[in-house]
Amino acid sequence: MNGYPSRIVCLTEETTETLYLLGEGDRVVGVSGYTIRPPEARRKPRVSAFIHAKYDRIEALSPDLILGFSDLQANIAAELIKRGYPVMVFNQRSVAGILQMIRMLGSMVGCADKAARLISQLELEIDSIRAAASQLPCRPRVFFEEWDDPLISGIGWVEELVEIAGGEPIFPELRNARLGKQRIVSAGDVIGRRPDVIIASWCGKAVRREKIAQRDGWSDVPAVRNGHIYEIKSAYILQPGPAALTEGIRQLHHIIARVAQAMAGEGSGVQEQPRRRLRNHADRPGAIEQHLDSPPPVPTKVD
């Protein structure tokens, strides 16, 4: 591998997906237990959860580079450094930060040119969504619910993607708060800001939309009253990597466009045509797409 790392352990999903998109999946020797993208990466040895790692499994793989994410993996990183391994921990919290992570990772494995091409693909995807969003009849107010108890609003890159996709986050003042505990909101706060749509992604568990709709005092919230409660799987939106900039933003735009069209119909007195409710929008995006313009393709592996 010309002196570049060839046995890489990825403690979170976004670096795994990035390496595969760069055509360097063969270098990945260990992954997080939460890894689902790409499917072939799931065959790699699983060595970690998010805040816990199996150090014996990692050592058995003889890695020459270990990749992690955020301060939440600081203890894992510290232990691995003590054991003599080279560790790189990224901390991207914005769209620009995600693209920078890809650029840095590409350089670290000797694939700077391929990383630049991947970034160009992702930027085209983002620009196409932004252009489509600019044509929407209105910008719905969006509550992105990252957790249900306590209620936590969306992290920085999510709120940024909501805006690009055509929505207006109802808690813009919290978008730069790095920790979940800094983004806790009350039920009354949500009620008072009257979101037109609620998009939930509860990391590690399925969203229960009926539970959201049945919360005390929420029946008059426009999103609840009009049935605009949706789920996006956390793997598509809460991982700050290619997934969020492709499948994540596409699903956000489909949902927001659907709500904007419904709101425009209500304003003109035209009733929205009945649409079949989906049990899980994230797993079946095609069912949403039948009512909306076809999305741009997801990035493919760059050569």
Protein backbone atom coordinates (compact mmCIF):
# COMPACT_ATOMS: atom_id res chain seq x y z
CA MET A 1 0.00 0.00 0.00
CA ASN A 2 2.98 2.32 -0.61
CA GLY A 3 3.53 3.08 3.05
CA TYR A 4 -0.07 4.11 3.76
CA PRO A 5 -2.24 2.35 6.38
CA SER A 6 -3.46 -1.02 5.17
CA ARG A 7 -5.13 -2.50 8.27
CA ILE A 8 -7.71 0.00 9.46
CA VAL A 9 -10.19 -0.38 12.30
CA CYS A 10 -13.22 1.92 12.13
CA LEU A 11 -15.00 2.50 15.45
CA THR A 12 -17.96 4.25 13.79
CA GLU A 13 -19.84 3.81 10.55
CA GLU A 14 -19.05 6.98 8.62
CA THR A 15 -15.34 6.28 8.12
CA THR A 16 -16.14 2.71 7.05
CA GLU A 17 -18.55 3.92 4.39
CA THR A 18 -16.12 6.59 3.24
CA LEU A 19 -13.31 4.08 2.74
CA TYR A 20 -15.58 1.79 0.75
CA LEU A 21 -16.73 4.68 -1.44
CA LEU A 22 -13.06 5.48 -2.06
CA GLY A 23 -12.60 1.92 -3.26
CA GLU A 24 -10.47 1.08 -0.24
CA GLY A 25 -12.76 -1.30 1.62
CA ASP A 26 -10.11 -4.03 1.56
CA ARG A 27 -8.08 -1.99 4.03
CA VAL A 28 -10.86 -2.14 6.64
CA VAL A 29 -10.21 -5.04 9.02
CA GLY A 30 -12.60 -4.19 11.86
CA VAL A 31 -15.84 -2.22 12.22
CA SER A 32 -18.42 -0.98 14.69
CA GLY A 33 -21.20 -3.37 15.61
CA TYR A 34 -23.68 -0.77 14.33
CA THR A 35 -22.28 -0.80 10.80
CA ILE A 36 -24.87 -1.35 8.05
CA ARG A 37 -23.41 0.60 5.10
CA PRO A 38 -22.25 -0.81 2.82
CA PRO A 39 -23.74 -4.28 3.37
CA GLU A 40 -20.44 -6.04 2.60
CA ALA A 41 -18.77 -4.23 5.52
CA ARG A 42 -20.99 -6.17 7.90
CA ARG A 43 -18.92 -9.25 7.17
CA LYS A 44 -15.89 -7.64 8.82
CA PRO A 45 -15.08 -8.44 12.47
CA ARG A 46 -17.11 -6.26 14.84
CA VAL A 47 -14.94 -4.73 17.50
CA SER A 48 -16.91 -1.95 19.17
CA ALA A 49 -20.16 -0.31 20.12
CA PHE A 50 -20.15 3.48 20.32
CA ILE A 51 -18.65 3.99 23.77
CA HIS A 52 -17.25 0.50 24.37
CA ALA A 53 -14.64 -1.52 22.51
CA LYS A 54 -13.32 -5.06 22.57
CA TYR A 55 -9.62 -4.35 22.94
CA ASP A 56 -8.60 -7.98 22.58
CA ARG A 57 -10.42 -8.19 19.24
CA ILE A 58 -8.78 -5.00 18.05
CA GLU A 59 -5.33 -6.20 19.05
CA ALA A 60 -5.88 -9.50 17.25
CA LEU A 61 -6.38 -7.57 14.00
CA SER A 62 -2.95 -5.83 14.24
CA PRO A 63 -4.27 -2.48 12.96
CA ASP A 64 -1.93 0.21 11.71
CA LEU A 65 -4.64 2.90 12.00
CA ILE A 66 -7.74 3.21 14.18
CA LEU A 67 -10.45 5.75 13.34
CA GLY A 68 -13.00 7.11 15.82
CA PHE A 69 -15.48 9.92 16.24
CA SER A 70 -16.11 12.58 18.88
CA ASP A 71 -15.32 13.15 22.52
CA LEU A 72 -17.62 10.26 23.40
CA GLN A 73 -14.90 7.90 22.18
CA ALA A 74 -12.13 9.74 24.02
CA ASN A 75 -11.70 6.99 26.61
CA ILE A 76 -11.48 4.31 23.92
CA ALA A 77 -8.95 6.38 22.01
CA ALA A 78 -6.87 7.01 25.13
CA GLU A 79 -6.70 3.31 25.96
CA LEU A 80 -5.70 2.40 22.41
CA ILE A 81 -3.02 5.07 22.39
CA LYS A 82 -1.65 3.68 25.65
CA ARG A 83 -1.47 0.30 23.95
CA GLY A 84 0.67 1.80 21.21
CA TYR A 85 -1.77 2.17 18.31
CA PRO A 86 -2.06 5.18 16.00
CA VAL A 87 -5.51 6.68 16.52
CA MET A 88 -7.32 9.44 14.64
CA VAL A 89 -10.54 10.78 16.13
CA PHE A 90 -12.65 13.04 13.93
CA ASN A 91 -15.17 15.48 15.39
CA GLN A 92 -17.21 16.79 12.44
CA ARG A 93 -20.48 18.50 13.37
CA SER A 94 -21.47 20.28 10.13
CA VAL A 95 -21.77 19.61 6.42
CA ALA A 96 -18.46 21.34 5.83
CA GLY A 97 -16.94 19.27 8.63
CA ILE A 98 -18.18 16.03 7.03
CA LEU A 99 -16.59 16.98 3.73
CA GLN A 100 -13.36 17.90 5.51
CA MET A 101 -13.34 14.49 7.22
CA ILE A 102 -13.59 12.80 3.82
CA ARG A 103 -10.78 14.96 2.46
CA MET A 104 -8.53 14.24 5.43
CA LEU A 105 -9.24 10.50 5.40
CA GLY A 106 -8.55 10.31 1.68
CA SER A 107 -5.17 11.96 2.21
CA MET A 108 -4.34 9.65 5.12
CA VAL A 109 -4.74 6.57 2.91
CA GLY A 110 -3.09 8.06 -0.16
CA CYS A 111 -6.31 8.67 -2.07
CA ALA A 112 -6.59 12.44 -2.08
CA ASP A 113 -7.70 12.59 -5.71
CA LYS A 114 -10.45 10.02 -5.19
CA ALA A 115 -11.58 11.85 -2.06
CA ALA A 116 -11.82 15.08 -4.06
CA ARG A 117 -14.00 13.35 -6.66
CA LEU A 118 -16.22 11.87 -3.96
CA ILE A 119 -16.63 15.29 -2.38
CA SER A 120 -17.61 16.72 -5.77
CA GLN A 121 -20.29 14.03 -6.10
CA LEU A 122 -21.64 14.81 -2.64
CA GLU A 123 -21.66 18.56 -3.31
CA LEU A 124 -23.65 17.97 -6.51
CA GLU A 125 -26.15 15.92 -4.52
CA ILE A 126 -26.50 18.67 -1.93
CA ASP A 127 -26.83 21.38 -4.60
CA SER A 128 -29.54 19.41 -6.42
CA ILE A 129 -31.56 19.08 -3.22
CA ARG A 130 -31.08 22.77 -2.44
CA ALA A 131 -32.30 23.70 -5.93
CA ALA A 132 -35.35 21.45 -5.60
CA ALA A 133 -36.11 22.91 -2.16
CA SER A 134 -36.04 26.44 -3.56
CA GLN A 135 -39.06 25.52 -5.70
CA LEU A 136 -41.25 24.43 -2.80
CA PRO A 137 -44.38 26.53 -2.19
CA CYS A 138 -43.41 27.12 1.46
CA ARG A 139 -40.85 26.14 4.09
CA PRO A 140 -42.48 23.97 6.77
CA ARG A 141 -41.43 24.36 10.40
CA VAL A 142 -39.56 21.20 11.40
CA PHE A 143 -38.99 19.61 14.77
CA PHE A 144 -36.27 17.02 14.41
CA GLU A 145 -36.55 14.77 17.45
CA GLU A 146 -33.23 13.07 18.16
CA TRP A 147 -34.46 11.45 21.35
CA ASP A 148 -37.80 11.08 23.11
CA ASP A 149 -37.05 11.09 26.84
CA PRO A 150 -35.82 13.67 27.45
CA LEU A 151 -36.76 15.43 24.25
CA ILE A 152 -33.61 16.34 22.33
CA SER A 153 -33.59 18.49 19.20
CA GLY A 154 -31.39 17.85 16.17
CA ILE A 155 -27.61 18.09 16.17
CA GLY A 156 -25.83 20.64 13.98
CA TRP A 157 -25.43 18.80 10.68
CA VAL A 158 -29.03 17.53 10.88
CA GLU A 159 -30.49 20.99 11.33
CA GLU A 160 -28.30 22.25 8.50
CA LEU A 161 -29.57 19.48 6.22
CA VAL A 162 -33.15 20.28 7.22
CA GLU A 163 -32.61 23.82 5.97
CA ILE A 164 -31.00 22.67 2.73
CA ALA A 165 -33.90 20.24 2.20
CA GLY A 166 -36.46 23.05 2.44
CA GLY A 167 -37.47 23.22 6.10
CA GLU A 168 -37.07 25.64 8.99
CA PRO A 169 -35.81 24.10 12.25
CA ILE A 170 -37.89 25.29 15.19
CA PHE A 171 -34.86 25.40 17.52
CA PRO A 172 -32.19 27.12 15.40
CA GLU A 173 -30.53 28.54 18.50
CA LEU A 174 -29.56 25.04 19.64
CA ARG A 175 -28.00 23.79 16.43
CA ASN A 176 -24.42 24.52 17.51
CA ALA A 177 -24.78 22.82 20.89
CA ARG A 178 -22.41 19.86 20.67
CA LEU A 179 -23.81 17.75 23.51
CA GLY A 180 -27.23 16.15 23.63
CA LYS A 181 -27.86 17.50 27.12
CA GLN A 182 -27.42 21.01 25.71
CA ARG A 183 -30.23 20.39 23.21
CA ILE A 184 -32.88 19.18 25.64
CA VAL A 185 -36.22 20.93 25.11
CA SER A 186 -39.51 20.73 26.94
CA ALA A 187 -42.80 19.51 25.51
CA GLY A 188 -44.12 23.01 26.06
CA ASP A 189 -41.31 24.46 23.97
CA VAL A 190 -42.26 22.21 21.06
CA ILE A 191 -45.97 22.97 21.42
CA GLY A 192 -45.26 26.69 21.50
CA ARG A 193 -43.22 26.64 18.31
CA ARG A 194 -45.94 24.74 16.41
CA PRO A 195 -43.97 22.53 14.02
CA ASP A 196 -45.64 21.62 10.75
CA VAL A 197 -43.76 18.32 10.67
CA ILE A 198 -42.03 16.13 13.23
CA ILE A 199 -39.16 14.00 11.97
CA ALA A 200 -37.85 11.59 14.58
CA SER A 201 -34.74 9.46 14.70
CA TRP A 202 -34.18 7.67 18.00
CA CYS A 203 -30.75 6.12 17.84
CA GLY A 204 -30.94 2.45 18.77
CA LYS A 205 -34.73 2.07 18.84
CA ALA A 206 -37.67 2.37 16.52
CA VAL A 207 -39.74 5.53 16.56
CA ARG A 208 -43.29 5.10 17.88
CA ARG A 209 -45.30 7.68 16.02
CA GLU A 210 -48.47 6.95 17.97
CA LYS A 211 -46.56 7.70 21.18
CA ILE A 212 -45.58 11.10 19.81
CA ALA A 213 -49.14 11.85 18.71
CA GLN A 214 -50.58 10.91 22.11
CA ARG A 215 -48.38 13.22 24.19
CA ASP A 216 -50.31 15.53 26.48
CA GLY A 217 -51.14 18.82 24.80
CA TRP A 218 -49.76 17.85 21.41
CA SER A 219 -53.07 17.21 19.65
CA ASP A 220 -53.23 20.80 18.38
CA VAL A 221 -49.64 20.87 17.15
CA PRO A 222 -49.98 21.21 13.35
CA ALA A 223 -47.69 18.23 12.67
CA VAL A 224 -49.80 15.98 14.90
CA ARG A 225 -53.15 17.35 13.80
CA ASN A 226 -52.30 16.82 10.13
CA GLY A 227 -50.58 13.46 10.54
CA HIS A 228 -47.11 14.64 9.58
CA ILE A 229 -44.97 12.52 11.91
CA TYR A 230 -42.16 10.63 10.21
CA GLU A 231 -39.13 8.51 10.98
CA ILE A 232 -35.69 8.46 9.40
CA LYS A 233 -33.43 5.67 10.56
CA SER A 234 -30.49 6.92 12.58
CA ALA A 235 -28.00 5.15 10.29
CA TYR A 236 -29.07 7.50 7.49
CA ILE A 237 -29.10 10.81 9.32
CA LEU A 238 -27.28 10.67 12.67
CA GLN A 239 -23.98 9.41 11.27
CA PRO A 240 -21.95 12.44 10.10
CA GLY A 241 -20.70 10.96 6.85
CA PRO A 242 -21.77 10.12 3.30
CA ALA A 243 -25.05 8.53 4.41
CA ALA A 244 -26.34 11.81 5.84
CA LEU A 245 -25.36 13.72 2.69
CA THR A 246 -27.10 11.23 0.40
CA GLU A 247 -29.88 9.05 1.77
CA GLY A 248 -30.41 11.29 4.80
CA ILE A 249 -30.90 14.56 2.96
CA ARG A 250 -32.97 12.83 0.27
CA GLN A 251 -35.40 11.47 2.83
CA LEU A 252 -35.55 14.84 4.58
CA HIS A 253 -36.40 16.53 1.29
CA HIS A 254 -39.05 13.98 0.36
CA ILE A 255 -40.78 14.43 3.70
CA ILE A 256 -40.51 18.22 3.74
CA ALA A 257 -41.69 18.48 0.12
CA ARG A 258 -44.68 16.29 0.90
CA VAL A 259 -45.62 18.51 3.84
CA ALA A 260 -45.07 21.73 1.87
CA GLN A 261 -47.32 20.47 -0.93
CA ALA A 262 -50.00 19.52 1.57
CA MET A 263 -49.79 22.95 3.23
CA ALA A 264 -50.06 24.68 -0.14
CA GLY A 265 -53.12 22.58 -0.94
CA GLU A 266 -54.74 23.53 2.34
CA GLY A 267 -54.04 27.20 1.68
CA SER A 268 -55.67 27.05 -1.76
CA GLY A 269 -58.63 25.03 -0.58
CA VAL A 270 -57.47 21.98 -2.56
CA GLN A 271 -57.47 18.83 -0.50
CA GLU A 272 -54.37 16.65 -0.59
CA GLN A 273 -55.04 13.31 -2.24
CA PRO A 274 -55.13 10.41 0.25
CA ARG A 275 -51.80 8.64 0.58
CA ARG A 276 -51.02 5.33 2.10
CA ARG A 277 -49.31 5.66 5.45
CA LEU A 278 -45.90 4.03 5.68
CA ARG A 279 -44.78 2.09 8.68
CA ASN A 280 -41.17 3.05 8.15
CA HIS A 281 -40.24 5.75 5.66
CA ALA A 282 -36.51 5.18 6.03
CA ASP A 283 -36.68 1.56 4.96
CA ARG A 284 -39.07 2.22 2.08
CA PRO A 285 -38.15 5.59 0.51
CA GLY A 286 -39.51 4.49 -2.86
CA ALA A 287 -43.05 4.64 -1.48
CA ILE A 288 -42.58 8.34 -0.79
CA GLU A 289 -40.92 8.93 -4.14
CA GLN A 290 -44.04 7.83 -6.04
CA HIS A 291 -45.60 11.16 -5.04
CA LEU A 292 -42.50 13.29 -5.58
CA ASP A 293 -39.87 13.87 -8.21
CA SER A 294 -37.26 11.16 -8.47
CA PRO A 295 -34.19 11.96 -6.37
CA PRO A 296 -30.66 12.20 -7.73
CA PRO A 297 -28.61 8.99 -7.51
CA VAL A 298 -26.53 8.20 -4.46
CA PRO A 299 -22.77 8.42 -4.89
CA THR A 300 -21.03 5.42 -6.31
CA LYS A 301 -17.56 4.18 -5.57
CA VAL A 302 -14.99 6.51 -7.15
CA ASP A 303 -12.12 5.18 -9.20
